[in-house]
C-alpha atoms as a PDB file:
ATOM      1  CA  UNK A   1       0.038   0.070  -0.170  1.00  0.00           C
ATOM      2  CA  UNK A   2       1.674   3.471  -1.064  1.00  0.00           C
ATOM      3  CA  UNK A   3       2.136   5.787   1.694  1.00  0.00           C
ATOM      4  CA  UNK A   4      -0.631   8.213   0.954  1.00  0.00           C
ATOM      5  CA  UNK A   5       0.252  10.878   3.914  1.00  0.00           C
ATOM      6  CA  UNK A   6       3.760  11.394   2.350  1.00  0.00           C
ATOM      7  CA  UNK A   7       2.385  12.935  -0.924  1.00  0.00           C
ATOM      8  CA  UNK A   8       1.360  16.010   0.795  1.00  0.00           C
ATOM      9  CA  UNK A   9      -1.898  15.653  -1.101  1.00  0.00           C
ATOM     10  CA  UNK A  10      -5.435  15.915   0.609  1.00  0.00           C
ATOM     11  CA  UNK A  11      -7.055  13.744  -2.117  1.00  0.00           C
ATOM     12  CA  UNK A  12      -4.605  10.941  -1.961  1.00  0.00           C
ATOM     13  CA  UNK A  13      -4.994  10.637   1.923  1.00  0.00           C
ATOM     14  CA  UNK A  14      -8.653  10.908   1.686  1.00  0.00           C
ATOM     15  CA  UNK A  15      -8.747   8.189  -1.221  1.00  0.00           C
ATOM     16  CA  UNK A  16      -6.604   5.922   0.528  1.00  0.00           C
ATOM     17  CA  UNK A  17      -8.481   6.000   4.011  1.00  0.00           C
ATOM     18  CA  UNK A  18     -11.777   5.672   2.255  1.00  0.00           C
ATOM     19  CA  UNK A  19     -10.253   2.570   0.582  1.00  0.00           C
ATOM     20  CA  UNK A  20      -8.964   1.006   3.856  1.00  0.00           C
ATOM     21  CA  UNK A  21     -12.129   1.621   5.848  1.00  0.00           C
ATOM     22  CA  UNK A  22     -14.164  -0.134   3.036  1.00  0.00           C
ATOM     23  CA  UNK A  23     -11.939  -2.909   3.198  1.00  0.00           C
ATOM     24  CA  UNK A  24     -12.043  -3.226   6.997  1.00  0.00           C
ATOM     25  CA  UNK A  25     -15.809  -3.159   6.626  1.00  0.00           C
ATOM     26  CA  UNK A  26     -15.559  -6.010   4.135  1.00  0.00           C
ATOM     27  CA  UNK A  27     -16.995  -4.008   1.067  1.00  0.00           C
ATOM     28  CA  UNK A  28     -16.502  -5.291  -2.228  1.00  0.00           C
ATOM     29  CA  UNK A  29     -18.256  -2.712  -4.399  1.00  0.00           C
ATOM     30  CA  UNK A  30     -16.760  -0.882  -7.255  1.00  0.00           C
ATOM     31  CA  UNK A  31     -14.881   2.264  -6.615  1.00  0.00           C
ATOM     32  CA  UNK A  32     -15.332   5.103  -9.444  1.00  0.00           C
ATOM     33  CA  UNK A  33     -13.265   8.151  -9.924  1.00  0.00           C
ATOM     34  CA  UNK A  34     -15.463  10.892 -11.135  1.00  0.00           C
ATOM     35  CA  UNK A  35     -12.538  12.660 -12.966  1.00  0.00           C
ATOM     36  CA  UNK A  36     -12.661   9.355 -15.449  1.00  0.00           C
ATOM     37  CA  UNK A  37     -16.155   9.925 -16.225  1.00  0.00           C
ATOM     38  CA  UNK A  38     -17.891  12.027 -18.737  1.00  0.00           C
ATOM     39  CA  UNK A  39     -19.641  15.009 -17.278  1.00  0.00           C
ATOM     40  CA  UNK A  40     -20.358  18.426 -18.350  1.00  0.00           C
ATOM     41  CA  UNK A  41     -19.122  21.397 -15.734  1.00  0.00           C
ATOM     42  CA  UNK A  42     -21.316  23.103 -13.813  1.00  0.00           C
ATOM     43  CA  UNK A  43     -22.485  21.563 -10.311  1.00  0.00           C
ATOM     44  CA  UNK A  44     -25.997  20.447 -10.736  1.00  0.00           C
ATOM     45  CA  UNK A  45     -25.362  19.223 -14.513  1.00  0.00           C
ATOM     46  CA  UNK A  46     -22.172  17.344 -13.341  1.00  0.00           C
ATOM     47  CA  UNK A  47     -23.981  15.713 -10.575  1.00  0.00           C
ATOM     48  CA  UNK A  48     -26.539  14.623 -12.773  1.00  0.00           C
ATOM     49  CA  UNK A  49     -24.462  13.369 -15.709  1.00  0.00           C
ATOM     50  CA  UNK A  50     -22.397  11.391 -13.016  1.00  0.00           C
ATOM     51  CA  UNK A  51     -25.482   9.743 -11.427  1.00  0.00           C
ATOM     52  CA  UNK A  52     -26.497   8.931 -15.157  1.00  0.00           C
ATOM     53  CA  UNK A  53     -23.523   7.371 -15.841  1.00  0.00           C
ATOM     54  CA  UNK A  54     -23.096   5.374 -12.918  1.00  0.00           C
ATOM     55  CA  UNK A  55     -26.861   4.103 -12.783  1.00  0.00           C
ATOM     56  CA  UNK A  56     -27.686   6.038  -9.630  1.00  0.00           C
ATOM     57  CA  UNK A  57     -31.458   5.852  -8.525  1.00  0.00           C
ATOM     58  CA  UNK A  58     -31.304   7.871  -5.442  1.00  0.00           C
END
């Protein structure tokens, strides 16, 4: 496991700690990175695009 805390990047620390927590909880779902998904700019339309892309319903 890479040492996310030595990168100085808040995003790296958040991502690694979330992955560790999900692993400890036994969660086996798929983790998606929003920056790798097609979405328009703007908060509301971006959220709608990400929800549609991932199949979210609620």
